Amino acid sequence: NGMRYIAPRKVGEHDVLYGSVTSGDIAEFLRAKGIDIDKRKIQLDEPIKHLGDYEVKIKLHPEVTATVKVVVTKEG
């Protein structure tokens, strides 16, 4: 809990992302921080395609869930 992932992305018209932020991207970020999480445990209903702040839940154990704040910003 309390981790924050800032994901700069290229955006098009109406601040819609070219591409998206996926559970794989979040798992890769966590791995870089020394936390090995299977991307299937990251509870992201669909890839993030808009700028903004998102709370993403990670199921660590059947009774334990952590939250990562994902901040999607304009690249550059």
PDB file of N, CA and C in Angstrom:
ATOM      1  N   ASN A   1       0.838  -1.194   0.000  1.00  0.00           N
ATOM      2  CA  ASN A   1       0.000   0.000   0.000  1.00  0.00           C
ATOM      3  C   ASN A   1       0.874   1.245   0.000  1.00  0.00           C
ATOM      4  N   GLY A   2       0.349   2.307  -0.583  1.00  0.00           N
ATOM      5  CA  GLY A   2       1.054   3.572  -0.563  1.00  0.00           C
ATOM      6  C   GLY A   2       2.011   3.788  -1.723  1.00  0.00           C
ATOM      7  N   MET A   3       2.200   2.798  -2.585  1.00  0.00           N
ATOM      8  CA  MET A   3       3.094   2.987  -3.729  1.00  0.00           C
ATOM      9  C   MET A   3       2.387   3.804  -4.793  1.00  0.00           C
ATOM     10  N   ARG A   4       3.171   4.574  -5.534  1.00  0.00           N
ATOM     11  CA  ARG A   4       2.614   5.408  -6.596  1.00  0.00           C
ATOM     12  C   ARG A   4       3.400   5.172  -7.872  1.00  0.00           C
ATOM     13  N   TYR A   5       2.695   4.857  -8.931  1.00  0.00           N
ATOM     14  CA  TYR A   5       3.293   4.611 -10.243  1.00  0.00           C
ATOM     15  C   TYR A   5       2.881   5.750 -11.158  1.00  0.00           C
ATOM     16  N   ILE A   6       3.854   6.539 -11.592  1.00  0.00           N
ATOM     17  CA  ILE A   6       3.580   7.629 -12.530  1.00  0.00           C
ATOM     18  C   ILE A   6       3.889   7.097 -13.922  1.00  0.00           C
ATOM     19  N   ALA A   7       2.863   7.088 -14.782  1.00  0.00           N
ATOM     20  CA  ALA A   7       2.989   6.500 -16.111  1.00  0.00           C
ATOM     21  C   ALA A   7       2.830   7.576 -17.179  1.00  0.00           C
ATOM     22  N   PRO A   8       3.938   8.163 -17.654  1.00  0.00           N
ATOM     23  CA  PRO A   8       3.830   9.149 -18.735  1.00  0.00           C
ATOM     24  C   PRO A   8       3.528   8.447 -20.056  1.00  0.00           C
ATOM     25  N   ARG A   9       2.547   8.950 -20.779  1.00  0.00           N
ATOM     26  CA  ARG A   9       2.140   8.356 -22.048  1.00  0.00           C
ATOM     27  C   ARG A   9       1.871   9.434 -23.084  1.00  0.00           C
ATOM     28  N   LYS A  10       2.029   9.075 -24.362  1.00  0.00           N
ATOM     29  CA  LYS A  10       1.664   9.978 -25.449  1.00  0.00           C
ATOM     30  C   LYS A  10       0.147  10.030 -25.535  1.00  0.00           C
ATOM     31  N   VAL A  11      -0.379  11.232 -25.767  1.00  0.00           N
ATOM     32  CA  VAL A  11      -1.831  11.392 -25.841  1.00  0.00           C
ATOM     33  C   VAL A  11      -2.234  12.049 -27.151  1.00  0.00           C
ATOM     34  N   GLY A  12      -3.456  11.789 -27.545  1.00  0.00           N
ATOM     35  CA  GLY A  12      -4.015  12.384 -28.751  1.00  0.00           C
ATOM     36  C   GLY A  12      -5.112  13.364 -28.391  1.00  0.00           C
ATOM     37  N   GLU A  13      -6.044  13.482 -29.301  1.00  0.00           N
ATOM     38  CA  GLU A  13      -7.162  14.390 -29.128  1.00  0.00           C
ATOM     39  C   GLU A  13      -7.978  14.009 -27.891  1.00  0.00           C
ATOM     40  N   HIS A  14      -8.476  15.004 -27.171  1.00  0.00           N
ATOM     41  CA  HIS A  14      -9.301  14.815 -25.970  1.00  0.00           C
ATOM     42  C   HIS A  14      -8.569  14.032 -24.884  1.00  0.00           C
ATOM     43  N   ASP A  15      -7.249  14.137 -24.865  1.00  0.00           N
ATOM     44  CA  ASP A  15      -6.409  13.478 -23.857  1.00  0.00           C
ATOM     45  C   ASP A  15      -6.603  11.960 -23.797  1.00  0.00           C
ATOM     46  N   VAL A  16      -6.903  11.345 -24.929  1.00  0.00           N
ATOM     47  CA  VAL A  16      -6.998   9.883 -25.014  1.00  0.00           C
ATOM     48  C   VAL A  16      -5.600   9.349 -25.323  1.00  0.00           C
ATOM     49  N   LEU A  17      -5.193   8.323 -24.618  1.00  0.00           N
ATOM     50  CA  LEU A  17      -3.848   7.769 -24.782  1.00  0.00           C
ATOM     51  C   LEU A  17      -3.681   7.045 -26.108  1.00  0.00           C
ATOM     52  N   TYR A  18      -2.464   7.139 -26.662  1.00  0.00           N
ATOM     53  CA  TYR A  18      -2.051   6.251 -27.745  1.00  0.00           C
ATOM     54  C   TYR A  18      -1.596   4.992 -27.019  1.00  0.00           C
ATOM     55  N   GLY A  19      -2.333   3.938 -27.094  1.00  0.00           N
ATOM     56  CA  GLY A  19      -2.034   2.747 -26.312  1.00  0.00           C
ATOM     57  C   GLY A  19      -2.761   2.815 -24.988  1.00  0.00           C
ATOM     58  N   SER A  20      -2.216   2.173 -23.970  1.00  0.00           N
ATOM     59  CA  SER A  20      -2.883   2.135 -22.669  1.00  0.00           C
ATOM     60  C   SER A  20      -1.883   1.739 -21.589  1.00  0.00           C
ATOM     61  N   VAL A  21      -2.339   1.789 -20.344  1.00  0.00           N
ATOM     62  CA  VAL A  21      -1.564   1.289 -19.213  1.00  0.00           C
ATOM     63  C   VAL A  21      -2.235  -0.023 -18.813  1.00  0.00           C
ATOM     64  N   THR A  22      -1.478  -1.112 -18.816  1.00  0.00           N
ATOM     65  CA  THR A  22      -2.036  -2.434 -18.560  1.00  0.00           C
ATOM     66  C   THR A  22      -1.538  -3.011 -17.236  1.00  0.00           C
ATOM     67  N   SER A  23      -2.116  -4.129 -16.857  1.00  0.00           N
ATOM     68  CA  SER A  23      -1.646  -4.814 -15.650  1.00  0.00           C
ATOM     69  C   SER A  23      -0.191  -5.254 -15.817  1.00  0.00           C
ATOM     70  N   GLY A  24       0.212  -5.550 -17.050  1.00  0.00           N
ATOM     71  CA  GLY A  24       1.613  -5.897 -17.320  1.00  0.00           C
ATOM     72  C   GLY A  24       2.548  -4.733 -17.039  1.00  0.00           C
ATOM     73  N   ASP A  25       2.117  -3.511 -17.402  1.00  0.00           N
ATOM     74  CA  ASP A  25       2.922  -2.315 -17.124  1.00  0.00           C
ATOM     75  C   ASP A  25       3.085  -2.122 -15.620  1.00  0.00           C
ATOM     76  N   ILE A  26       2.006  -2.325 -14.882  1.00  0.00           N
ATOM     77  CA  ILE A  26       2.041  -2.145 -13.425  1.00  0.00           C
ATOM     78  C   ILE A  26       2.928  -3.217 -12.792  1.00  0.00           C
ATOM     79  N   ALA A  27       2.817  -4.464 -13.260  1.00  0.00           N
ATOM     80  CA  ALA A  27       3.656  -5.546 -12.737  1.00  0.00           C
ATOM     81  C   ALA A  27       5.130  -5.265 -13.009  1.00  0.00           C
ATOM     82  N   GLU A  28       5.434  -4.723 -14.189  1.00  0.00           N
ATOM     83  CA  GLU A  28       6.815  -4.386 -14.546  1.00  0.00           C
ATOM     84  C   GLU A  28       7.362  -3.288 -13.631  1.00  0.00           C
ATOM     85  N   PHE A  29       6.536  -2.269 -13.344  1.00  0.00           N
ATOM     86  CA  PHE A  29       6.923  -1.199 -12.421  1.00  0.00           C
ATOM     87  C   PHE A  29       7.236  -1.779 -11.048  1.00  0.00           C
ATOM     88  N   LEU A  30       6.354  -2.641 -10.542  1.00  0.00           N
ATOM     89  CA  LEU A  30       6.557  -3.235  -9.222  1.00  0.00           C
ATOM     90  C   LEU A  30       7.815  -4.099  -9.201  1.00  0.00           C
ATOM     91  N   ARG A  31       8.053  -4.837 -10.279  1.00  0.00           N
ATOM     92  CA  ARG A  31       9.249  -5.686 -10.371  1.00  0.00           C
ATOM     93  C   ARG A  31      10.510  -4.828 -10.284  1.00  0.00           C
ATOM     94  N   ALA A  32      10.480  -3.652 -10.920  1.00  0.00           N
ATOM     95  CA  ALA A  32      11.628  -2.738 -10.870  1.00  0.00           C
ATOM     96  C   ALA A  32      11.871  -2.227  -9.448  1.00  0.00           C
ATOM     97  N   LYS A  33      10.821  -2.225  -8.629  1.00  0.00           N
ATOM     98  CA  LYS A  33      10.937  -1.801  -7.228  1.00  0.00           C
ATOM     99  C   LYS A  33      11.251  -2.967  -6.296  1.00  0.00           C
ATOM    100  N   GLY A  34      11.482  -4.167  -6.878  1.00  0.00           N
ATOM    101  CA  GLY A  34      11.828  -5.323  -6.072  1.00  0.00           C
ATOM    102  C   GLY A  34      10.647  -6.129  -5.583  1.00  0.00           C
ATOM    103  N   ILE A  35       9.455  -5.882  -6.145  1.00  0.00           N
ATOM    104  CA  ILE A  35       8.249  -6.604  -5.738  1.00  0.00           C
ATOM    105  C   ILE A  35       7.783  -7.436  -6.926  1.00  0.00           C
ATOM    106  N   ASP A  36       7.884  -8.752  -6.798  1.00  0.00           N
ATOM    107  CA  ASP A  36       7.516  -9.646  -7.905  1.00  0.00           C
ATOM    108  C   ASP A  36       6.057 -10.074  -7.758  1.00  0.00           C
ATOM    109  N   ILE A  37       5.191  -9.503  -8.591  1.00  0.00           N
ATOM    110  CA  ILE A  37       3.749  -9.789  -8.569  1.00  0.00           C
ATOM    111  C   ILE A  37       3.342 -10.288  -9.944  1.00  0.00           C
ATOM    112  N   ASP A  38       2.596 -11.374  -9.978  1.00  0.00           N
ATOM    113  CA  ASP A  38       2.041 -11.880 -11.235  1.00  0.00           C
ATOM    114  C   ASP A  38       0.991 -10.886 -11.728  1.00  0.00           C
ATOM    115  N   LYS A  39       1.053 -10.523 -13.002  1.00  0.00           N
ATOM    116  CA  LYS A  39       0.129  -9.516 -13.526  1.00  0.00           C
ATOM    117  C   LYS A  39      -1.330  -9.949 -13.411  1.00  0.00           C
ATOM    118  N   ARG A  40      -1.585 -11.239 -13.283  1.00  0.00           N
ATOM    119  CA  ARG A  40      -2.967 -11.717 -13.131  1.00  0.00           C
ATOM    120  C   ARG A  40      -3.543 -11.390 -11.759  1.00  0.00           C
ATOM    121  N   LYS A  41      -2.678 -11.049 -10.803  1.00  0.00           N
ATOM    122  CA  LYS A  41      -3.151 -10.673  -9.468  1.00  0.00           C
ATOM    123  C   LYS A  41      -3.514  -9.190  -9.382  1.00  0.00           C
ATOM    124  N   ILE A  42      -3.193  -8.447 -10.434  1.00  0.00           N
ATOM    125  CA  ILE A  42      -3.507  -7.024 -10.484  1.00  0.00           C
ATOM    126  C   ILE A  42      -4.923  -6.880 -11.009  1.00  0.00           C
ATOM    127  N   GLN A  43      -5.798  -6.327 -10.195  1.00  0.00           N
ATOM    128  CA  GLN A  43      -7.219  -6.273 -10.517  1.00  0.00           C
ATOM    129  C   GLN A  43      -7.551  -5.015 -11.316  1.00  0.00           C
ATOM    130  N   LEU A  44      -7.320  -5.119 -12.611  1.00  0.00           N
ATOM    131  CA  LEU A  44      -7.585  -4.024 -13.541  1.00  0.00           C
ATOM    132  C   LEU A  44      -8.610  -4.559 -14.541  1.00  0.00           C
ATOM    133  N   ASP A  45      -9.854  -4.070 -14.450  1.00  0.00           N
ATOM    134  CA  ASP A  45     -10.933  -4.585 -15.292  1.00  0.00           C
ATOM    135  C   ASP A  45     -10.624  -4.439 -16.771  1.00  0.00           C
ATOM    136  N   GLU A  46     -10.065  -3.287 -17.134  1.00  0.00           N
ATOM    137  CA  GLU A  46      -9.662  -3.046 -18.515  1.00  0.00           C
ATOM    138  C   GLU A  46      -8.488  -2.091 -18.509  1.00  0.00           C
ATOM    139  N   PRO A  47      -7.687  -2.080 -19.571  1.00  0.00           N
ATOM    140  CA  PRO A  47      -6.531  -1.175 -19.609  1.00  0.00           C
ATOM    141  C   PRO A  47      -6.963   0.291 -19.451  1.00  0.00           C
ATOM    142  N   ILE A  48      -6.099   1.079 -18.828  1.00  0.00           N
ATOM    143  CA  ILE A  48      -6.371   2.505 -18.614  1.00  0.00           C
ATOM    144  C   ILE A  48      -6.047   3.256 -19.898  1.00  0.00           C
ATOM    145  N   LYS A  49      -7.005   4.030 -20.410  1.00  0.00           N
ATOM    146  CA  LYS A  49      -6.829   4.716 -21.695  1.00  0.00           C
ATOM    147  C   LYS A  49      -6.992   6.227 -21.605  1.00  0.00           C
ATOM    148  N   HIS A  50      -7.086   6.772 -20.373  1.00  0.00           N
ATOM    149  CA  HIS A  50      -7.265   8.211 -20.197  1.00  0.00           C
ATOM    150  C   HIS A  50      -6.305   8.727 -19.126  1.00  0.00           C
ATOM    151  N   LEU A  51      -5.963  10.010 -19.213  1.00  0.00           N
ATOM    152  CA  LEU A  51      -5.143  10.642 -18.183  1.00  0.00           C
ATOM    153  C   LEU A  51      -5.915  10.645 -16.870  1.00  0.00           C
ATOM    154  N   GLY A  52      -5.189  10.664 -15.761  1.00  0.00           N
ATOM    155  CA  GLY A  52      -5.846  10.770 -14.469  1.00  0.00           C
ATOM    156  C   GLY A  52      -5.198   9.907 -13.411  1.00  0.00           C
ATOM    157  N   ASP A  53      -5.838   9.905 -12.244  1.00  0.00           N
ATOM    158  CA  ASP A  53      -5.377   9.121 -11.097  1.00  0.00           C
ATOM    159  C   ASP A  53      -6.296   7.921 -10.923  1.00  0.00           C
ATOM    160  N   TYR A  54      -5.688   6.772 -10.682  1.00  0.00           N
ATOM    161  CA  TYR A  54      -6.450   5.532 -10.534  1.00  0.00           C
ATOM    162  C   TYR A  54      -5.935   4.761  -9.329  1.00  0.00           C
ATOM    163  N   GLU A  55      -6.840   4.124  -8.598  1.00  0.00           N
ATOM    164  CA  GLU A  55      -6.479   3.224  -7.505  1.00  0.00           C
ATOM    165  C   GLU A  55      -6.620   1.810  -8.046  1.00  0.00           C
ATOM    166  N   VAL A  56      -5.533   1.057  -8.047  1.00  0.00           N
ATOM    167  CA  VAL A  56      -5.544  -0.296  -8.588  1.00  0.00           C
ATOM    168  C   VAL A  56      -5.272  -1.275  -7.451  1.00  0.00           C
ATOM    169  N   LYS A  57      -6.140  -2.264  -7.310  1.00  0.00           N
ATOM    170  CA  LYS A  57      -5.998  -3.262  -6.247  1.00  0.00           C
ATOM    171  C   LYS A  57      -5.175  -4.445  -6.734  1.00  0.00           C
ATOM    172  N   ILE A  58      -4.372  -4.982  -5.813  1.00  0.00           N
ATOM    173  CA  ILE A  58      -3.546  -6.144  -6.092  1.00  0.00           C
ATOM    174  C   ILE A  58      -3.883  -7.207  -5.060  1.00  0.00           C
ATOM    175  N   LYS A  59      -4.316  -8.356  -5.528  1.00  0.00           N
ATOM    176  CA  LYS A  59      -4.702  -9.445  -4.623  1.00  0.00           C
ATOM    177  C   LYS A  59      -3.452 -10.256  -4.284  1.00  0.00           C
ATOM    178  N   LEU A  60      -2.941 -10.047  -3.079  1.00  0.00           N
ATOM    179  CA  LEU A  60      -1.721 -10.715  -2.633  1.00  0.00           C
ATOM    180  C   LEU A  60      -2.001 -12.108  -2.099  1.00  0.00           C
ATOM    181  N   HIS A  61      -3.185 -12.271  -1.539  1.00  0.00           N
ATOM    182  CA  HIS A  61      -3.595 -13.511  -0.881  1.00  0.00           C
ATOM    183  C   HIS A  61      -5.121 -13.467  -0.888  1.00  0.00           C
ATOM    184  N   PRO A  62      -5.813 -14.588  -0.766  1.00  0.00           N
ATOM    185  CA  PRO A  62      -7.278 -14.529  -0.795  1.00  0.00           C
ATOM    186  C   PRO A  62      -7.889 -13.514   0.174  1.00  0.00           C
ATOM    187  N   GLU A  63      -7.210 -13.232   1.267  1.00  0.00           N
ATOM    188  CA  GLU A  63      -7.752 -12.296   2.248  1.00  0.00           C
ATOM    189  C   GLU A  63      -6.936 -11.008   2.377  1.00  0.00           C
ATOM    190  N   VAL A  64      -5.929 -10.825   1.518  1.00  0.00           N
ATOM    191  CA  VAL A  64      -5.051  -9.656   1.607  1.00  0.00           C
ATOM    192  C   VAL A  64      -5.001  -8.945   0.260  1.00  0.00           C
ATOM    193  N   THR A  65      -5.365  -7.659   0.283  1.00  0.00           N
ATOM    194  CA  THR A  65      -5.339  -6.842  -0.930  1.00  0.00           C
ATOM    195  C   THR A  65      -4.546  -5.571  -0.651  1.00  0.00           C
ATOM    196  N   ALA A  66      -3.686  -5.206  -1.590  1.00  0.00           N
ATOM    197  CA  ALA A  66      -2.931  -3.948  -1.499  1.00  0.00           C
ATOM    198  C   ALA A  66      -3.423  -3.025  -2.603  1.00  0.00           C
ATOM    199  N   THR A  67      -3.102  -1.745  -2.479  1.00  0.00           N
ATOM    200  CA  THR A  67      -3.513  -0.760  -3.471  1.00  0.00           C
ATOM    201  C   THR A  67      -2.297   0.009  -3.966  1.00  0.00           C
ATOM    202  N   VAL A  68      -2.248   0.220  -5.283  1.00  0.00           N
ATOM    203  CA  VAL A  68      -1.216   1.041  -5.903  1.00  0.00           C
ATOM    204  C   VAL A  68      -1.913   2.196  -6.589  1.00  0.00           C
ATOM    205  N   LYS A  69      -1.417   3.409  -6.375  1.00  0.00           N
ATOM    206  CA  LYS A  69      -1.974   4.563  -7.065  1.00  0.00           C
ATOM    207  C   LYS A  69      -1.253   4.700  -8.401  1.00  0.00           C
ATOM    208  N   VAL A  70      -2.017   4.720  -9.493  1.00  0.00           N
ATOM    209  CA  VAL A  70      -1.465   4.876 -10.828  1.00  0.00           C
ATOM    210  C   VAL A  70      -1.836   6.258 -11.320  1.00  0.00           C
ATOM    211  N   VAL A  71      -0.828   7.070 -11.652  1.00  0.00           N
ATOM    212  CA  VAL A  71      -1.033   8.422 -12.154  1.00  0.00           C
ATOM    213  C   VAL A  71      -0.597   8.433 -13.616  1.00  0.00           C
ATOM    214  N   VAL A  72      -1.558   8.618 -14.513  1.00  0.00           N
ATOM    215  CA  VAL A  72      -1.264   8.654 -15.946  1.00  0.00           C
ATOM    216  C   VAL A  72      -1.152  10.119 -16.366  1.00  0.00           C
ATOM    217  N   THR A  73       0.029  10.491 -16.888  1.00  0.00           N
ATOM    218  CA  THR A  73       0.292  11.870 -17.250  1.00  0.00           C
ATOM    219  C   THR A  73       0.705  11.958 -18.728  1.00  0.00           C
ATOM    220  N   LYS A  74       0.699  13.185 -19.242  1.00  0.00           N
ATOM    221  CA  LYS A  74       1.169  13.417 -20.615  1.00  0.00           C
ATOM    222  C   LYS A  74       2.683  13.246 -20.656  1.00  0.00           C
ATOM    223  N   GLU A  75       3.164  12.572 -21.687  1.00  0.00           N
ATOM    224  CA  GLU A  75       4.597  12.384 -21.863  1.00  0.00           C
ATOM    225  C   GLU A  75       5.220  13.697 -22.341  1.00  0.00           C
ATOM    226  N   GLY A  76       6.396  13.989 -21.809  1.00  0.00           N
ATOM    227  CA  GLY A  76       7.126  15.149 -22.294  1.00  0.00           C
ATOM    228  C   GLY A  76       6.981  16.394 -21.527  1.00  0.00           C
TER     229      GLY A  76
END
